[in-house]
Amino acid sequence: MSTLNNGSSSPAPYLHWSGQTNRGKVRPNNEDAFLGLRFDGHDVSYLGSSGAASVQNADFVFAVSDGMGGAQSGEFASRITIEKLSHWLPKSFQVSALGVTSDHTDLLREVFDAIHAELLKLGRSYEECRDMGTTLSLCWFTPERAFFGHIGDSRIYHLPKAGGMRQLSHDHTYAGWLRRSGKINEREARSHPMRHALNQALGAGRQFIEPQFGAVVYEPGDRFLLCSDGLIDGLWDHHLDEFGHSVNDTTAAQRLITESLERSGRDNLTAVVVETNTAPSQTSLNTAS
């Protein structure tokens, strides 16, 4: 893939995004959460459920979190994770801008470790928060690359404009490891008895974590999908590939949620779709208050 460079004559890329979450048909509450964030060295803005903006002078982060735990603690875990992201990432951007570090992976690792420590602290301090935890999948968009961090069984997909789809994140389950190792196929993974047993998560009483980090150089027209496992429950890989490429960028997340609900809906569902492009569409930047 060619690199988009701020120093070249290429225009700064635009991001177009849409995000939706749904309680599903069975669960009494929604333990999923998602975040869109725009930040530079001075300001931070929360993004609405859909919009478009240039990455000329700011970075963007999109994240999906799926909480777990008794009573309301799973919902609390995912919400506090999203809240902490909005505080720590802009601080990391400021440190990077000062030239202290330019390694986004190190910055993401610090953020994951900080959230993990916070959830463990709450779990030790409050009985109702004991063993609460959450997944976290995020993409950090700069003018040239999308850096990603991940832990758990929420997912991040890259859908190049030229076609095809690649799951960037690893499912931190035994079934996920079996599929990555080629020992089982997609159908077998979806019905495996250990498909929901996480061996990695933020909090959840775990002393050590090993999040996954990486980066992708993107081209105009590429799309990224971040989603919770509830969305996958109703959609196979070929569905994600088909809908992820064909649906209008401003309605992509809602279409994925609708299609998954029709086929399943047994769990909470969340989808965030981000498309990279060279020009804005009719959608404008939409920030939440």
Foldseek 3Di string as FASTA:
>chain_A
DDWDDPPDPFFQKKKWKAKDWDFFDADPDALKDKWKWKEALPDIFTFDRTFMDGLNGIKMKIKMKAKDDPDCLSSVLNVVLRVLCSVQVSVVNNCVVVVVDVDVVVSVVVSLVVSLVVLQVVLVVDVRSPLMWMWMWMWMDHRWKTKIKTWAAWWKKKAALVADIDTPAFHQWPLSVCVVVVNDHPVCLLPPPTNRPGPATRGSPDPDHDMDIDMDGGDAFMKMKTKGVLLVNQDPPVRCRVLLNPDDNHCSFVVSVVNSSVRGRNGMIMMMMMGMHRDGDPGHTGTDD
